[in-house]
Amino acid sequence: MPSLAVIGHPVAHSRSPDMQTAALAELGLAGEWTYGALDVAPADFEVTVAELAAAGDYAGVNVTVPHKAAALAMADEKSPAAAAIGAANTLSFRDGRILADNTDAGGLLASLPRSFAGEPVLVLGAGGAARAAIWALVEDGARVDVWNRTAARGEAVAAELGARAVAGPDPADYALIVNTTAVGLAGEDTFEALPLAPDSFTEGQTVLDMVYTEEPSALLTAAAAAGATVVDGLEMLVQQGALSLRIWTGEEPSLEAMRTAVRR
């Protein structure tokens, strides 16, 4: 029976096990495949993944914070997207070898209501999720600006991925705003930590917040009140998870079954 899992630290909050289990059931694979969660500290990550790959019981794993860069570094083969982004969120194990992919990029684009090619886009953050978002949007033809709390890091990531770093962005200037930071997850004031204000959104904008909580985030609540189109982190979780499942099983999972599972 092939096993799958999400690896992170911490990982107990992840909705991926429920989501992927529902998708496997819809595909008729629940009796053959399982999907769980593995809480692995950074010091143990490389050894754990190597053991999973060698044992033969696991077909692959999703990788979440804080392991995405380490996952890429230990891969025997890397997809072009994962190599360009510099992070992997999907590992496949084949004959003891580790193959790295990044479905965050494709998941982000699939979550959006349309392409933003040729339009100004603001990405908040410069971590692994931000790298995937920046790369995907630049590849899609958007004009991407990057803001990060640590300016030097934002500048480095933007320069590497073909974007532009900005210190004081005006949210009204952008057709799309993507928050890749964890701001809001622990209940902190979103509008103190990010270069945004509750009244800084405009009708016609799209705002995507990768943070997902039980209730809509403060960021999305304010954006929706202004008439913006909003996309939450659960939709991106579904889209990237579906791409991972396709890689492992070769099957087309039900997005609706996955959406229902993550929103219970």
Protein backbone atom coordinates (compact mmCIF):
# COMPACT_ATOMS: atom_id res chain seq x y z
CA MET A 1 0.00 0.00 0.00
CA PRO A 2 1.71 3.24 -1.12
CA SER A 3 1.95 5.86 1.61
CA LEU A 4 1.98 9.64 1.24
CA ALA A 5 2.34 12.39 3.84
CA VAL A 6 2.98 16.04 4.48
CA ILE A 7 6.21 16.81 6.31
CA GLY A 8 6.61 20.01 8.31
CA HIS A 9 7.42 21.44 11.74
CA PRO A 10 4.89 22.01 13.15
CA VAL A 11 2.38 20.16 11.01
CA ALA A 12 -0.55 19.27 13.28
CA HIS A 13 -2.56 22.22 11.89
CA SER A 14 -2.26 21.03 8.28
CA ARG A 15 -5.45 20.23 6.42
CA SER A 16 -3.58 18.30 3.74
CA PRO A 17 -4.27 14.84 5.25
CA ASP A 18 -8.05 15.37 5.24
CA MET A 19 -7.93 16.95 1.80
CA GLN A 20 -5.77 14.32 0.14
CA THR A 21 -7.57 11.44 1.83
CA ALA A 22 -10.85 12.76 0.45
CA ALA A 23 -9.33 13.02 -3.02
CA LEU A 24 -7.98 9.47 -2.83
CA ALA A 25 -11.39 8.21 -1.74
CA GLU A 26 -13.10 9.99 -4.63
CA LEU A 27 -10.61 8.33 -7.01
CA GLY A 28 -11.34 4.92 -5.52
CA LEU A 29 -7.79 4.66 -4.19
CA ALA A 30 -8.48 4.94 -0.45
CA GLY A 31 -7.98 1.21 0.01
CA GLU A 32 -4.63 1.32 -1.78
CA TRP A 33 -3.13 4.67 -0.75
CA THR A 34 -2.85 6.47 2.59
CA TYR A 35 -1.94 10.08 3.39
CA GLY A 36 -0.72 11.23 6.81
CA ALA A 37 1.34 13.91 8.54
CA LEU A 38 4.91 13.72 9.81
CA ASP A 39 6.23 16.32 12.24
CA VAL A 40 9.97 16.41 11.56
CA ALA A 41 12.37 18.92 13.10
CA PRO A 42 14.89 20.55 10.74
CA ALA A 43 17.81 18.62 12.27
CA ASP A 44 16.08 15.34 11.41
CA PHE A 45 14.68 16.21 7.99
CA GLU A 46 17.41 14.87 5.72
CA VAL A 47 17.76 11.57 7.57
CA THR A 48 13.99 11.07 7.69
CA VAL A 49 13.45 11.71 3.99
CA ALA A 50 16.38 9.51 3.04
CA GLU A 51 14.89 6.68 5.12
CA LEU A 52 11.46 7.13 3.52
CA ALA A 53 12.95 7.05 0.04
CA ALA A 54 15.03 3.95 0.75
CA ALA A 55 12.34 1.94 2.54
CA GLY A 56 10.04 1.75 -0.46
CA ASP A 57 6.78 2.19 1.47
CA TYR A 58 6.30 5.84 0.55
CA ALA A 59 5.52 7.07 -2.96
CA GLY A 60 6.24 10.66 -1.94
CA VAL A 61 5.61 13.54 0.43
CA ASN A 62 4.45 17.10 0.41
CA VAL A 63 6.92 19.43 2.11
CA THR A 64 5.91 22.52 4.05
CA VAL A 65 7.56 25.07 6.34
CA PRO A 66 10.44 25.06 7.16
CA HIS A 67 11.79 22.33 4.87
CA LYS A 68 11.24 23.44 1.26
CA ALA A 69 14.81 24.55 0.56
CA ALA A 70 16.26 21.47 2.27
CA ALA A 71 13.95 19.25 0.22
CA LEU A 72 15.32 20.67 -3.01
CA ALA A 73 18.92 20.42 -1.85
CA MET A 74 18.76 16.68 -1.21
CA ALA A 75 16.91 15.71 -4.40
CA ASP A 76 18.55 13.49 -6.99
CA GLU A 77 16.47 15.09 -9.75
CA LYS A 78 14.81 18.50 -9.83
CA SER A 79 12.03 19.75 -12.05
CA PRO A 80 12.85 22.96 -13.95
CA ALA A 81 10.33 24.87 -11.84
CA ALA A 82 11.72 23.63 -8.51
CA ALA A 83 15.29 24.38 -9.60
CA ALA A 84 14.41 27.89 -10.76
CA ILE A 85 12.35 28.67 -7.66
CA GLY A 86 14.96 27.24 -5.29
CA ALA A 87 12.44 25.29 -3.24
CA ALA A 88 10.46 22.05 -3.45
CA ASN A 89 7.09 21.25 -1.92
CA THR A 90 6.63 17.83 -3.56
CA LEU A 91 9.03 14.89 -3.40
CA SER A 92 8.54 11.60 -5.24
CA PHE A 93 10.44 8.42 -4.36
CA ARG A 94 11.29 6.09 -7.22
CA ASP A 95 13.73 3.20 -6.93
CA GLY A 96 15.42 4.87 -3.98
CA ARG A 97 15.84 8.16 -5.80
CA ILE A 98 14.33 11.47 -4.74
CA LEU A 99 12.61 13.64 -7.35
CA ALA A 100 11.72 17.23 -6.46
CA ASP A 101 8.88 19.32 -7.86
CA ASN A 102 7.24 22.61 -6.92
CA THR A 103 3.47 22.69 -7.31
CA ASP A 104 3.10 25.93 -5.35
CA ALA A 105 3.76 27.87 -8.57
CA GLY A 106 1.15 26.09 -10.63
CA GLY A 107 -1.23 26.04 -7.68
CA LEU A 108 -1.00 29.81 -7.33
CA LEU A 109 -1.79 30.46 -11.00
CA ALA A 110 -4.66 27.96 -10.92
CA SER A 111 -6.12 29.73 -7.87
CA LEU A 112 -6.36 33.09 -9.60
CA PRO A 113 -9.48 34.14 -11.53
CA ARG A 114 -7.42 35.14 -14.57
CA SER A 115 -3.93 35.81 -15.90
CA PHE A 116 -2.22 39.03 -14.86
CA ALA A 117 0.22 39.08 -17.78
CA GLY A 118 1.40 42.61 -18.45
CA GLU A 119 -0.14 43.97 -15.24
CA PRO A 120 1.44 45.22 -12.00
CA VAL A 121 1.49 42.68 -9.17
CA LEU A 122 2.70 43.02 -5.56
CA VAL A 123 4.07 40.01 -3.68
CA LEU A 124 4.50 40.38 0.07
CA GLY A 125 7.31 38.25 1.50
CA ALA A 126 10.54 36.65 0.31
CA GLY A 127 10.44 33.10 1.68
CA GLY A 128 9.87 29.80 -0.09
CA ALA A 129 6.20 30.50 -0.85
CA ALA A 130 7.08 33.95 -2.12
CA ARG A 131 9.75 32.55 -4.42
CA ALA A 132 7.19 30.24 -6.01
CA ALA A 133 4.68 33.07 -6.40
CA ILE A 134 7.22 35.50 -7.87
CA TRP A 135 8.59 32.94 -10.31
CA ALA A 136 5.11 31.83 -11.45
CA LEU A 137 3.85 35.36 -11.98
CA VAL A 138 6.99 36.53 -13.79
CA GLU A 139 6.83 33.44 -16.03
CA ASP A 140 3.18 34.29 -16.73
CA GLY A 141 4.20 37.76 -17.89
CA ALA A 142 3.20 39.90 -14.90
CA ARG A 143 5.25 42.90 -13.75
CA VAL A 144 6.09 41.84 -10.21
CA ASP A 145 7.12 44.04 -7.29
CA VAL A 146 8.34 42.46 -4.06
CA TRP A 147 8.08 43.87 -0.56
CA ASN A 148 9.75 42.17 2.39
CA ARG A 149 10.16 43.26 6.00
CA THR A 150 13.91 42.64 5.66
CA ALA A 151 14.64 44.79 2.65
CA ALA A 152 17.97 43.19 1.74
CA ARG A 153 16.39 39.77 1.45
CA GLY A 154 13.56 41.13 -0.66
CA GLU A 155 16.03 42.83 -2.96
CA ALA A 156 18.06 39.64 -3.39
CA VAL A 157 15.05 37.45 -4.17
CA ALA A 158 13.54 39.99 -6.54
CA ALA A 159 16.81 40.38 -8.46
CA GLU A 160 17.25 36.61 -8.73
CA LEU A 161 13.74 35.94 -10.04
CA GLY A 162 13.27 38.87 -12.43
CA ALA A 163 11.13 41.08 -10.21
CA ARG A 164 11.64 44.50 -8.58
CA ALA A 165 12.01 45.20 -4.88
CA VAL A 166 9.97 48.07 -3.40
CA ALA A 167 10.18 49.66 0.04
CA GLY A 168 6.88 51.54 0.29
CA PRO A 169 4.36 50.18 -2.22
CA ASP A 170 1.01 51.85 -2.81
CA PRO A 171 -1.50 48.98 -2.83
CA ALA A 172 -3.81 50.92 -5.16
CA ASP A 173 -1.20 50.64 -7.92
CA TYR A 174 -1.57 46.87 -8.28
CA ALA A 175 -4.05 44.65 -10.09
CA LEU A 176 -3.08 41.71 -7.86
CA ILE A 177 -1.68 41.55 -4.32
CA VAL A 178 -0.37 38.24 -2.97
CA ASN A 179 0.46 37.80 0.71
CA THR A 180 2.91 34.93 1.13
CA THR A 181 3.90 35.83 4.70
CA ALA A 182 2.51 34.16 7.83
CA VAL A 183 1.19 37.49 9.12
CA GLY A 184 -2.29 36.96 10.53
CA LEU A 185 -1.82 33.29 11.33
CA ALA A 186 -1.04 33.92 15.00
CA GLY A 187 -3.62 36.68 15.41
CA GLU A 188 -1.25 39.63 15.06
CA ASP A 189 -2.42 42.92 13.51
CA THR A 190 -2.08 42.43 9.76
CA PHE A 191 -2.09 46.13 9.04
CA GLU A 192 0.73 46.89 11.44
CA ALA A 193 2.99 44.18 10.03
CA LEU A 194 2.36 44.68 6.30
CA PRO A 195 2.55 47.84 4.11
CA LEU A 196 -1.23 47.88 3.76
CA ALA A 197 -4.17 49.65 5.37
CA PRO A 198 -7.78 48.49 5.65
CA ASP A 199 -8.82 51.22 3.20
CA SER A 200 -5.98 50.67 0.73
CA PHE A 201 -7.79 48.22 -1.55
CA THR A 202 -9.81 49.09 -4.64
CA GLU A 203 -12.68 47.60 -6.57
CA GLY A 204 -11.44 45.44 -9.42
CA GLN A 205 -8.29 44.29 -7.62
CA THR A 206 -7.59 40.66 -6.78
CA VAL A 207 -6.10 39.84 -3.38
CA LEU A 208 -4.77 36.39 -2.49
CA ASP A 209 -3.79 35.59 1.10
CA MET A 210 -1.93 32.32 1.57
CA VAL A 211 -2.74 32.34 5.28
CA TYR A 212 -5.72 30.15 6.09
CA THR A 213 -7.67 30.26 9.32
CA GLU A 214 -11.18 29.28 10.46
CA GLU A 215 -12.51 32.73 9.57
CA PRO A 216 -11.57 34.95 6.60
CA SER A 217 -8.34 36.81 7.32
CA ALA A 218 -8.40 40.51 8.18
CA LEU A 219 -6.62 41.14 4.88
CA LEU A 220 -9.30 39.42 2.79
CA THR A 221 -12.13 40.89 4.85
CA ALA A 222 -10.91 44.43 4.15
CA ALA A 223 -10.25 43.68 0.48
CA ALA A 224 -13.71 42.16 -0.02
CA ALA A 225 -15.34 45.17 1.66
CA ALA A 226 -13.67 47.37 -0.96
CA GLY A 227 -15.06 45.26 -3.79
CA ALA A 228 -11.90 43.34 -4.57
CA THR A 229 -11.94 39.71 -5.68
CA VAL A 230 -10.46 37.62 -2.87
CA VAL A 231 -8.79 34.19 -2.88
CA ASP A 232 -7.89 32.46 0.37
CA GLY A 233 -5.08 30.10 1.24
CA LEU A 234 -7.37 27.07 1.24
CA GLU A 235 -8.01 27.41 -2.49
CA MET A 236 -4.29 27.51 -3.16
CA LEU A 237 -3.81 24.54 -0.83
CA VAL A 238 -6.33 22.60 -2.91
CA GLN A 239 -4.81 23.56 -6.24
CA GLN A 240 -1.21 22.77 -5.32
CA GLY A 241 -2.32 19.56 -3.59
CA ALA A 242 -4.17 18.41 -6.69
CA LEU A 243 -1.04 18.91 -8.78
CA SER A 244 1.00 16.86 -6.30
CA LEU A 245 -1.55 14.05 -6.34
CA ARG A 246 -1.45 13.96 -10.14
CA ILE A 247 2.33 13.54 -10.01
CA TRP A 248 2.11 10.59 -7.60
CA THR A 249 -0.94 8.73 -8.88
CA GLY A 250 -1.26 9.81 -12.50
CA GLU A 251 -4.95 10.43 -11.79
CA GLU A 252 -7.06 13.61 -11.98
CA PRO A 253 -8.37 14.33 -8.44
CA SER A 254 -11.70 15.96 -7.68
CA LEU A 255 -11.16 19.60 -6.75
CA GLU A 256 -14.64 19.77 -5.29
CA ALA A 257 -14.00 16.82 -2.97
CA MET A 258 -10.77 18.48 -1.85
CA ARG A 259 -12.45 21.85 -1.29
CA THR A 260 -15.19 20.27 0.77
CA ALA A 261 -12.67 18.44 2.94
CA VAL A 262 -10.51 21.48 3.73
CA ARG A 263 -13.50 23.67 4.63
CA ARG A 264 -15.19 21.31 7.08
